[in-house]
Protein backbone atom coordinates (compact mmCIF):
# COMPACT_ATOMS: atom_id res chain seq x y z
CA MET A 1 -0.54 14.05 -22.16
CA LYS A 2 -2.77 13.59 -18.91
CA SER A 3 -1.06 9.93 -18.36
CA ILE A 4 2.07 11.35 -18.62
CA THR A 5 1.54 13.92 -16.14
CA LEU A 6 -0.27 11.42 -13.82
CA VAL A 7 3.13 9.41 -14.03
CA ALA A 8 5.61 12.24 -13.17
CA ALA A 9 3.28 13.51 -10.21
CA ALA A 10 3.33 9.74 -8.79
CA ALA A 11 6.86 9.53 -9.02
CA LEU A 12 7.15 12.99 -7.10
CA LEU A 13 5.18 12.19 -4.15
CA CYS A 14 6.59 8.66 -3.79
CA ALA A 15 9.64 10.70 -2.15
CA PRO A 16 12.37 7.75 -2.86
CA CYS A 17 15.61 7.78 -0.80
CA ALA A 18 18.90 8.35 -1.82
CA TRP A 19 19.51 4.72 -2.87
CA SER A 20 16.07 3.76 -4.34
CA ALA A 21 15.43 3.78 -8.10
CA VAL A 22 12.61 3.18 -10.31
CA ILE A 23 12.50 -0.38 -11.29
CA GLY A 24 9.44 -0.09 -13.78
CA ASP A 25 5.81 0.58 -14.02
CA VAL A 26 2.36 -1.09 -13.44
CA ASP A 27 -0.65 0.44 -15.56
CA GLY A 28 1.61 3.59 -15.90
CA ILE A 29 2.79 4.32 -12.13
CA PRO A 30 6.32 4.35 -11.63
CA VAL A 31 7.33 1.71 -9.01
CA GLU A 32 10.27 2.19 -6.81
CA ASP A 33 12.83 -0.85 -5.91
CA SER A 34 13.23 0.02 -2.46
CA TYR A 35 12.42 2.49 0.48
CA SER A 36 13.82 3.35 3.91
CA VAL A 37 11.11 3.04 6.54
CA ASP A 38 12.07 4.33 9.98
CA GLY A 39 15.88 3.97 9.11
CA ALA A 40 15.32 0.46 7.90
CA LYS A 41 15.80 -0.35 4.19
CA LEU A 42 13.02 -2.35 2.49
CA VAL A 43 12.99 -4.00 -0.86
CA LEU A 44 10.11 -4.48 -3.57
CA ASN A 45 8.24 -7.60 -2.86
CA GLY A 46 5.72 -7.38 -5.62
CA ALA A 47 3.23 -4.78 -7.18
CA GLY A 48 -0.01 -5.18 -9.24
CA VAL A 49 -2.98 -2.92 -10.43
CA ARG A 50 -6.08 -3.82 -8.18
CA LYS A 51 -9.84 -3.61 -9.57
CA ARG A 52 -13.15 -4.05 -8.08
CA SER A 53 -15.76 -5.25 -10.36
CA TYR A 54 -14.95 -3.66 -13.66
CA PHE A 55 -13.02 -0.43 -12.70
CA LYS A 56 -9.20 -0.10 -11.74
CA THR A 57 -8.70 1.43 -8.20
CA ASP A 58 -5.14 1.28 -7.40
CA VAL A 59 -1.76 0.09 -7.73
CA SER A 60 -0.82 -1.69 -4.95
CA ALA A 61 2.90 -2.47 -3.69
CA ILE A 62 4.44 -4.24 -0.74
CA TYR A 63 7.99 -3.70 0.55
CA LEU A 64 9.77 -5.92 3.33
CA THR A 65 13.29 -6.26 4.70
CA GLU A 66 13.77 -9.37 2.17
CA PRO A 67 11.56 -10.79 -0.33
CA ARG A 68 8.81 -13.44 0.55
CA ASN A 69 6.67 -15.48 -1.49
CA THR A 70 3.74 -16.86 0.53
CA PRO A 71 0.90 -15.04 2.46
CA GLU A 72 2.14 -16.55 5.47
CA GLY A 73 5.69 -15.47 4.93
CA ILE A 74 5.04 -11.82 3.99
CA GLU A 75 2.60 -11.38 7.34
CA SER A 76 5.40 -12.96 9.74
CA ALA A 77 8.37 -11.14 7.86
CA PRO A 78 10.50 -9.72 10.68
CA GLY A 79 11.18 -5.82 10.79
CA ALA A 80 9.39 -2.90 9.06
CA LYS A 81 6.95 -3.09 6.25
CA ARG A 82 5.36 -0.92 3.92
CA LEU A 83 2.03 -1.24 1.93
CA GLN A 84 2.00 1.49 -0.63
CA LEU A 85 -1.22 2.61 -2.78
CA VAL A 86 -1.34 4.96 -5.89
CA LEU A 87 -4.69 5.71 -6.42
CA VAL A 88 -5.97 5.36 -10.58
CA LYS A 89 -9.56 6.70 -9.90
CA ASP A 90 -11.02 9.28 -7.30
CA ILE A 91 -12.80 7.39 -4.19
CA PRO A 92 -14.79 9.14 -1.70
CA GLY A 93 -13.99 8.53 1.97
CA SER A 94 -17.10 6.78 3.02
CA THR A 95 -16.64 4.26 -0.08
CA ILE A 96 -12.87 3.68 1.30
CA SER A 97 -14.45 3.02 4.71
CA ARG A 98 -17.23 0.47 3.31
CA TYR A 99 -14.32 -1.40 1.11
CA PHE A 100 -12.02 -1.52 4.41
CA ILE A 101 -14.76 -3.11 6.53
CA ALA A 102 -15.82 -5.71 4.08
CA ASP A 103 -12.39 -6.77 3.13
CA PHE A 104 -11.28 -7.04 6.80
CA GLN A 105 -14.21 -9.45 7.34
CA ALA A 106 -13.35 -11.45 4.55
CA VAL A 107 -10.16 -12.32 5.74
CA ALA A 108 -9.99 -12.39 9.35
CA THR A 109 -11.04 -15.01 11.67
CA GLU A 110 -13.85 -14.69 13.51
CA ALA A 111 -11.46 -14.58 16.82
CA GLU A 112 -9.32 -12.06 15.33
CA PHE A 113 -12.02 -9.80 14.51
CA LYS A 114 -13.30 -10.01 17.89
CA GLN A 115 -9.73 -9.09 19.26
CA LEU A 116 -9.40 -6.09 16.96
CA ILE A 117 -12.86 -5.03 16.98
CA ASN A 118 -11.70 -1.55 18.85
CA GLU A 119 -8.99 -0.75 16.06
CA ILE A 120 -11.58 -1.64 12.97
CA GLY A 121 -13.80 0.81 14.50
CA LEU A 122 -11.16 3.78 14.97
CA LEU A 123 -9.97 2.75 11.50
CA GLY A 124 -13.63 2.73 9.92
CA GLU A 125 -13.99 6.19 11.77
CA ILE A 126 -10.97 7.72 9.97
CA TYR A 127 -11.61 6.42 6.58
CA SER A 128 -15.36 7.88 6.71
CA LYS A 129 -14.04 10.96 7.86
CA ILE A 130 -11.62 11.60 4.92
CA ARG A 131 -13.83 13.52 2.20
CA GLN A 132 -12.19 11.82 -0.53
CA VAL A 133 -8.58 10.38 -2.14
CA ASN A 134 -8.19 11.39 -5.31
CA LYS A 135 -6.55 9.86 -8.65
CA GLY A 136 -2.65 9.94 -8.45
CA ASP A 137 -2.60 10.09 -4.45
CA VAL A 138 0.25 7.76 -2.97
CA ILE A 139 -1.00 6.50 0.27
CA ASN A 140 1.70 4.53 2.47
CA ILE A 141 0.45 2.28 5.16
CA ASP A 142 3.62 1.23 7.61
CA TRP A 143 4.40 -1.27 10.30
CA THR A 144 7.30 -0.08 12.27
CA PRO A 145 8.44 -2.54 15.38
CA GLY A 146 7.90 -0.92 18.72
CA LYS A 147 5.62 1.82 17.13
CA GLY A 148 3.13 0.27 15.43
CA VAL A 149 0.72 0.96 12.40
CA HIS A 150 1.19 4.58 10.79
CA SER A 151 -0.43 6.02 7.41
CA THR A 152 0.58 8.96 5.10
CA ILE A 153 -0.78 10.39 2.15
CA ASN A 154 1.42 11.91 -0.40
CA GLY A 155 4.47 11.84 2.27
CA LYS A 156 2.25 13.57 4.88
CA PRO A 157 0.90 12.02 8.00
CA LEU A 158 -2.80 11.42 7.65
CA MET A 159 -4.73 13.80 9.31
CA VAL A 160 -8.18 13.95 10.60
CA SER A 161 -10.31 16.87 11.92
CA GLY A 162 -6.99 18.56 12.00
CA ASN A 163 -5.22 15.87 14.20
CA VAL A 164 -2.42 13.62 13.14
CA THR A 165 -3.88 10.00 13.44
CA PRO A 166 -2.25 8.04 16.16
CA TYR A 167 0.17 5.15 15.80
CA LEU A 168 -1.84 1.86 16.13
CA ASN A 169 0.55 -0.67 18.02
CA ASN A 170 -0.78 -3.88 16.97
CA GLU A 171 0.86 -6.56 14.90
CA LEU A 172 -2.12 -8.74 14.51
CA LEU A 173 -3.92 -5.74 12.62
CA TYR A 174 -1.12 -5.05 10.07
CA ARG A 175 -0.95 -8.78 9.20
CA VAL A 176 -4.93 -8.78 8.83
CA MET A 177 -4.37 -5.44 6.60
CA LEU A 178 -1.84 -7.18 4.25
CA ARG A 179 -4.12 -10.13 4.19
CA MET A 180 -6.52 -7.95 2.47
CA TYR A 181 -4.60 -7.25 -0.41
CA ILE A 182 -2.81 -10.68 -1.02
CA LYS A 183 -6.03 -12.74 -0.24
CA ALA A 184 -9.14 -10.55 -0.31
CA SER A 185 -9.37 -8.27 -3.31
CA GLY A 186 -7.72 -8.40 -6.73
CA SER A 187 -7.07 -11.02 -9.37
CA ALA A 188 -5.21 -13.81 -9.02
CA GLU A 189 -2.84 -12.56 -11.17
CA MET A 190 -2.82 -9.25 -8.85
CA ARG A 191 -1.92 -11.66 -6.04
CA ASP A 192 0.70 -13.79 -7.76
CA ASN A 193 2.30 -10.15 -8.34
CA LEU A 194 2.36 -8.97 -4.80
CA LEU A 195 3.59 -12.40 -3.65
CA GLY A 196 6.53 -11.83 -5.90
CA ARG A 197 5.70 -15.25 -7.96
CA SER A 198 5.17 -13.27 -11.18
CA ARG A 199 5.97 -9.92 -12.57
CA SER A 200 3.54 -9.92 -15.27
CA MET A 201 2.16 -6.69 -14.35
CA LEU A 202 5.33 -4.63 -14.06
CA ASN A 203 6.86 -3.14 -17.22
CA THR A 204 10.50 -3.08 -16.49
CA ALA A 205 11.41 -1.40 -20.12
CA SER A 206 10.11 1.88 -18.71
CA ALA A 207 12.83 2.04 -15.89
CA ALA A 208 15.23 2.91 -18.84
CA VAL A 209 13.45 6.61 -18.97
CA ASN A 210 13.45 6.80 -15.45
CA PRO A 211 17.45 6.53 -14.05
CA PRO A 212 18.23 5.86 -10.64
CA ARG A 213 17.42 8.72 -8.26
CA THR A 214 20.02 10.91 -6.43
CA PRO A 215 19.86 12.96 -2.91
């Protein structure tokens, strides 16, 4: 019963658009085939469950204007992008901050790290001030050309100390953040699933009980 409740909550929190539909599930978490970000239709590139050490942390999905199957292709894809995370365990904000810094350092070049040091410091501070993200929370990290990086939790803008976090208009920052998921953390199977080279983690049979959504 608890797992059914989690699935229902995650499906509700994803807030799909009129023409999106559940394509299946990853580890019991429904996955939408498409989203609208700032008026642009994005399609699912891939989705997979991420592990750290021996435990699962989240179901990650990448949405682009058109599918790409290489890390370089995903980073350089034109238009809006979405990285979606659905938490499968409670994680303190201080732990998220530590994960972020470690993963960023693992995939950024020395030159990129120096160039983005101010943005890294700001994001690390923001994450450290989040008390906790909870199992079932849906985090969207979007890139909108001309605006920048914007994050929401359960459909609401990320807030820190009562203030909405600002857009960070730096495409290199978002490219490295995507790299953190398709290169740094998780298994080879998870990366192949995010790259769209495999759908071994996606249970499409579950789409039969999750019909297309209507407005």
